[in-house]
Amino acid sequence: MEFAMWWNFVGRSHEEIVAHRAAWEAGSDQFGRVEGYRGAVSRLPAPELPHVRITPRRHRPQ
């Protein structure tokens, strides 16, 4: 199985990572809540996506 990881997101492709970031920035409930977080905003903003395509990697069991 291949998966892509960037910041706090895991997906199967670059497009999924882009969609996860957009959902995060839109305040989607799909990520749950961190109880007790006392930051200046309700959640940390995701950094801008890199200007390269996020490449999935193959999982190598140990």
N, C-alpha and C. Protein backbone atom coordinates (compact mmCIF):
# COMPACT_ATOMS: atom_id res chain seq x y z
N MET A 1 0.84 -1.17 0.00
CA MET A 1 0.00 0.00 0.00
C MET A 1 0.89 1.25 0.00
N GLU A 2 0.50 2.24 -0.75
CA GLU A 2 1.22 3.50 -0.78
C GLU A 2 0.43 4.56 -0.03
N PHE A 3 1.15 5.46 0.62
CA PHE A 3 0.48 6.56 1.30
C PHE A 3 1.36 7.80 1.24
N ALA A 4 0.73 8.94 1.35
CA ALA A 4 1.43 10.22 1.34
C ALA A 4 1.23 10.87 2.70
N MET A 5 2.28 11.53 3.19
CA MET A 5 2.19 12.24 4.46
C MET A 5 2.73 13.65 4.28
N TRP A 6 2.05 14.59 4.88
CA TRP A 6 2.52 15.97 4.91
C TRP A 6 1.90 16.66 6.10
N TRP A 7 2.70 17.36 6.87
CA TRP A 7 2.30 18.02 8.10
C TRP A 7 1.57 17.01 8.96
N ASN A 8 0.29 17.21 9.30
CA ASN A 8 -0.45 16.25 10.12
C ASN A 8 -1.42 15.41 9.30
N PHE A 9 -1.25 15.38 8.01
CA PHE A 9 -2.21 14.69 7.14
C PHE A 9 -1.58 13.45 6.52
N VAL A 10 -2.40 12.41 6.41
CA VAL A 10 -2.01 11.17 5.74
C VAL A 10 -3.10 10.86 4.72
N GLY A 11 -2.70 10.50 3.51
CA GLY A 11 -3.66 10.15 2.47
C GLY A 11 -3.02 9.20 1.48
N ARG A 12 -3.77 8.84 0.47
CA ARG A 12 -3.26 7.93 -0.55
C ARG A 12 -2.64 8.64 -1.73
N SER A 13 -2.82 9.98 -1.80
CA SER A 13 -2.32 10.72 -2.96
C SER A 13 -2.14 12.19 -2.61
N HIS A 14 -1.50 12.90 -3.51
CA HIS A 14 -1.34 14.35 -3.39
C HIS A 14 -2.71 15.02 -3.28
N GLU A 15 -3.64 14.57 -4.11
CA GLU A 15 -4.97 15.16 -4.13
C GLU A 15 -5.69 14.99 -2.78
N GLU A 16 -5.52 13.84 -2.14
CA GLU A 16 -6.13 13.64 -0.83
C GLU A 16 -5.53 14.58 0.21
N ILE A 17 -4.22 14.78 0.16
CA ILE A 17 -3.56 15.69 1.10
C ILE A 17 -4.09 17.10 0.89
N VAL A 18 -4.22 17.52 -0.36
CA VAL A 18 -4.76 18.85 -0.67
C VAL A 18 -6.18 18.97 -0.12
N ALA A 19 -7.00 17.94 -0.31
CA ALA A 19 -8.38 17.96 0.18
C ALA A 19 -8.42 17.98 1.72
N HIS A 20 -7.54 17.21 2.37
CA HIS A 20 -7.49 17.20 3.84
C HIS A 20 -7.12 18.59 4.37
N ARG A 21 -6.14 19.23 3.73
CA ARG A 21 -5.75 20.56 4.17
C ARG A 21 -6.89 21.55 4.03
N ALA A 22 -7.58 21.48 2.89
CA ALA A 22 -8.72 22.38 2.66
C ALA A 22 -9.81 22.15 3.71
N ALA A 23 -10.09 20.89 4.03
CA ALA A 23 -11.10 20.57 5.03
C ALA A 23 -10.67 21.09 6.41
N TRP A 24 -9.40 20.92 6.74
CA TRP A 24 -8.87 21.42 8.00
C TRP A 24 -9.05 22.94 8.11
N GLU A 25 -8.65 23.63 7.07
CA GLU A 25 -8.74 25.09 7.07
C GLU A 25 -10.19 25.57 7.10
N ALA A 26 -11.11 24.77 6.58
CA ALA A 26 -12.54 25.12 6.59
C ALA A 26 -13.20 24.79 7.93
N GLY A 27 -12.44 24.18 8.86
CA GLY A 27 -12.98 23.87 10.18
C GLY A 27 -13.78 22.59 10.24
N SER A 28 -13.54 21.67 9.31
CA SER A 28 -14.27 20.41 9.27
C SER A 28 -14.19 19.66 10.60
N ASP A 29 -15.30 19.04 10.99
CA ASP A 29 -15.33 18.23 12.20
C ASP A 29 -14.70 16.86 12.02
N GLN A 30 -14.31 16.50 10.80
CA GLN A 30 -13.77 15.16 10.55
C GLN A 30 -12.48 14.91 11.32
N PHE A 31 -11.83 15.96 11.82
CA PHE A 31 -10.56 15.79 12.52
C PHE A 31 -10.72 15.77 14.04
N GLY A 32 -11.92 15.94 14.52
CA GLY A 32 -12.17 15.94 15.95
C GLY A 32 -11.69 17.24 16.59
N ARG A 33 -11.71 17.26 17.91
CA ARG A 33 -11.30 18.44 18.66
C ARG A 33 -10.23 18.05 19.67
N VAL A 34 -9.36 18.96 19.99
CA VAL A 34 -8.38 18.76 21.05
C VAL A 34 -8.88 19.51 22.27
N GLU A 35 -9.35 18.77 23.25
CA GLU A 35 -9.87 19.39 24.46
C GLU A 35 -8.73 20.03 25.25
N GLY A 36 -8.98 21.21 25.74
CA GLY A 36 -7.99 21.90 26.55
C GLY A 36 -7.01 22.76 25.78
N TYR A 37 -7.09 22.75 24.45
CA TYR A 37 -6.19 23.59 23.65
C TYR A 37 -6.53 25.05 23.91
N ARG A 38 -5.53 25.86 24.24
CA ARG A 38 -5.78 27.25 24.59
C ARG A 38 -5.01 28.20 23.69
N GLY A 39 -4.93 27.90 22.43
CA GLY A 39 -4.23 28.77 21.50
C GLY A 39 -5.05 30.00 21.17
N ALA A 40 -4.44 30.90 20.45
CA ALA A 40 -5.10 32.16 20.08
C ALA A 40 -6.24 31.93 19.09
N VAL A 41 -6.20 30.84 18.37
CA VAL A 41 -7.27 30.47 17.44
C VAL A 41 -7.77 29.08 17.82
N SER A 42 -8.90 28.67 17.26
CA SER A 42 -9.49 27.40 17.67
C SER A 42 -8.66 26.18 17.26
N ARG A 43 -7.84 26.32 16.22
CA ARG A 43 -6.93 25.25 15.81
C ARG A 43 -5.74 25.87 15.09
N LEU A 44 -4.64 25.18 15.10
CA LEU A 44 -3.46 25.68 14.40
C LEU A 44 -3.73 25.74 12.91
N PRO A 45 -3.35 26.82 12.25
CA PRO A 45 -3.50 26.84 10.79
C PRO A 45 -2.46 25.93 10.14
N ALA A 46 -2.88 25.25 9.09
CA ALA A 46 -1.94 24.40 8.35
C ALA A 46 -1.01 25.30 7.54
N PRO A 47 0.26 24.91 7.43
CA PRO A 47 1.17 25.69 6.59
C PRO A 47 0.73 25.62 5.12
N GLU A 48 1.23 26.53 4.33
CA GLU A 48 0.98 26.47 2.89
C GLU A 48 1.55 25.18 2.34
N LEU A 49 0.89 24.63 1.34
CA LEU A 49 1.41 23.42 0.70
C LEU A 49 2.71 23.73 -0.02
N PRO A 50 3.62 22.76 -0.09
CA PRO A 50 4.86 22.99 -0.84
C PRO A 50 4.56 23.15 -2.33
N HIS A 51 5.45 23.76 -3.03
CA HIS A 51 5.26 24.00 -4.47
C HIS A 51 5.77 22.81 -5.30
N VAL A 52 5.62 21.64 -4.74
CA VAL A 52 5.97 20.38 -5.43
C VAL A 52 4.84 19.40 -5.19
N ARG A 53 4.79 18.38 -6.01
CA ARG A 53 3.77 17.34 -5.84
C ARG A 53 4.20 16.42 -4.70
N ILE A 54 3.28 16.11 -3.80
CA ILE A 54 3.56 15.20 -2.69
C ILE A 54 3.47 13.79 -3.24
N THR A 55 4.55 13.06 -3.12
CA THR A 55 4.67 11.74 -3.72
C THR A 55 4.37 10.65 -2.70
N PRO A 56 3.41 9.77 -3.01
CA PRO A 56 3.15 8.64 -2.11
C PRO A 56 4.37 7.72 -2.01
N ARG A 57 4.54 7.13 -0.87
CA ARG A 57 5.63 6.17 -0.63
C ARG A 57 5.02 4.83 -0.28
N ARG A 58 5.76 3.79 -0.58
CA ARG A 58 5.29 2.44 -0.27
C ARG A 58 5.63 2.11 1.19
N HIS A 59 4.63 1.54 1.89
CA HIS A 59 4.83 1.11 3.27
C HIS A 59 5.70 -0.13 3.27
N ARG A 60 6.73 -0.11 4.09
CA ARG A 60 7.63 -1.27 4.20
C ARG A 60 7.49 -1.85 5.60
N PRO A 61 6.78 -2.97 5.72
CA PRO A 61 6.63 -3.60 7.05
C PRO A 61 7.98 -3.97 7.63
N GLN A 62 8.07 -3.88 8.94
CA GLN A 62 9.35 -4.22 9.61
C GLN A 62 9.34 -5.63 10.09
